[in-house]
Amino acid sequence: MHIIRTRKIPFLQSMASPALILTTLIAVVIGSVASYIPVVANFLGMVPLPAVYWI
């Protein structure tokens, strides 16, 4: 989404709107947390990320 919205280099030459940045952050948080909730993770076939990923 961030790459296809402009011909400039995202985050360096052109910033996205605050709404797009907020939506992206919310989606990342939900996707990350969902893998640690057993019912959701099993339903979606997700596994938690290894601890080394968060470092």
C-alpha atoms as a PDB file:
ATOM      1  CA  MET A   1       0.000   0.000   0.000  1.00  0.00           C
ATOM      2  CA  HIS A   2       2.746   2.437   0.900  1.00  0.00           C
ATOM      3  CA  ILE A   3       4.787   1.640  -2.204  1.00  0.00           C
ATOM      4  CA  ILE A   4       2.041   1.862  -4.832  1.00  0.00           C
ATOM      5  CA  ARG A   5       0.572   5.171  -3.619  1.00  0.00           C
ATOM      6  CA  THR A   6       3.340   7.401  -5.044  1.00  0.00           C
ATOM      7  CA  ARG A   7       6.192   7.416  -7.537  1.00  0.00           C
ATOM      8  CA  LYS A   8       8.511   8.791  -4.855  1.00  0.00           C
ATOM      9  CA  ILE A   9      10.392   6.677  -2.321  1.00  0.00           C
ATOM     10  CA  PRO A  10       7.955   5.895   0.523  1.00  0.00           C
ATOM     11  CA  PHE A  11       8.919   7.261   3.966  1.00  0.00           C
ATOM     12  CA  LEU A  12      11.948   9.106   2.545  1.00  0.00           C
ATOM     13  CA  GLN A  13      10.619  11.414  -0.156  1.00  0.00           C
ATOM     14  CA  SER A  14       6.915  11.162   0.587  1.00  0.00           C
ATOM     15  CA  MET A  15       4.953  10.495   3.774  1.00  0.00           C
ATOM     16  CA  ALA A  16       1.580   8.774   3.787  1.00  0.00           C
ATOM     17  CA  SER A  17      -1.441  10.346   5.376  1.00  0.00           C
ATOM     18  CA  PRO A  18      -1.795   9.892   9.141  1.00  0.00           C
ATOM     19  CA  ALA A  19      -4.890   7.729   8.514  1.00  0.00           C
ATOM     20  CA  LEU A  20      -2.929   5.291   6.314  1.00  0.00           C
ATOM     21  CA  ILE A  21      -0.047   5.103   8.787  1.00  0.00           C
ATOM     22  CA  LEU A  22      -2.441   4.485  11.693  1.00  0.00           C
ATOM     23  CA  THR A  23      -4.351   1.823   9.753  1.00  0.00           C
ATOM     24  CA  THR A  24      -1.088   0.067   8.866  1.00  0.00           C
ATOM     25  CA  LEU A  25       0.091   0.064  12.490  1.00  0.00           C
ATOM     26  CA  ILE A  26      -3.261  -1.266  13.710  1.00  0.00           C
ATOM     27  CA  ALA A  27      -3.168  -4.083  11.146  1.00  0.00           C
ATOM     28  CA  VAL A  28       0.374  -5.049  12.185  1.00  0.00           C
ATOM     29  CA  VAL A  29      -0.563  -5.097  15.871  1.00  0.00           C
ATOM     30  CA  ILE A  30      -3.716  -7.140  15.279  1.00  0.00           C
ATOM     31  CA  GLY A  31      -1.842  -9.613  13.072  1.00  0.00           C
ATOM     32  CA  SER A  32       0.951  -9.981  15.607  1.00  0.00           C
ATOM     33  CA  VAL A  33      -1.328 -10.383  18.625  1.00  0.00           C
ATOM     34  CA  ALA A  34      -3.729 -12.746  16.840  1.00  0.00           C
ATOM     35  CA  SER A  35      -1.058 -15.438  16.598  1.00  0.00           C
ATOM     36  CA  TYR A  36      -0.796 -15.535  20.412  1.00  0.00           C
ATOM     37  CA  ILE A  37      -4.550 -16.019  20.983  1.00  0.00           C
ATOM     38  CA  PRO A  38      -5.069 -19.804  20.695  1.00  0.00           C
ATOM     39  CA  VAL A  39      -8.637 -19.745  19.343  1.00  0.00           C
ATOM     40  CA  VAL A  40      -7.835 -17.181  16.657  1.00  0.00           C
ATOM     41  CA  ALA A  41      -4.456 -18.704  15.809  1.00  0.00           C
ATOM     42  CA  ASN A  42      -5.906 -22.207  15.363  1.00  0.00           C
ATOM     43  CA  PHE A  43      -8.784 -20.922  13.244  1.00  0.00           C
ATOM     44  CA  LEU A  44      -6.449 -18.972  10.945  1.00  0.00           C
ATOM     45  CA  GLY A  45      -3.636 -21.547  10.994  1.00  0.00           C
ATOM     46  CA  MET A  46      -1.172 -19.123  12.571  1.00  0.00           C
ATOM     47  CA  VAL A  47       1.774 -19.825  14.872  1.00  0.00           C
ATOM     48  CA  PRO A  48       3.463 -17.316  17.190  1.00  0.00           C
ATOM     49  CA  LEU A  49       6.632 -15.698  15.909  1.00  0.00           C
ATOM     50  CA  PRO A  50       9.862 -16.901  17.514  1.00  0.00           C
ATOM     51  CA  ALA A  51      11.320 -14.689  20.240  1.00  0.00           C
ATOM     52  CA  VAL A  52      14.366 -13.885  18.093  1.00  0.00           C
ATOM     53  CA  TYR A  53      12.069 -12.081  15.628  1.00  0.00           C
ATOM     54  CA  TRP A  54      11.099  -9.508  18.260  1.00  0.00           C
ATOM     55  CA  ILE A  55      14.735  -8.761  19.107  1.00  0.00           C
END
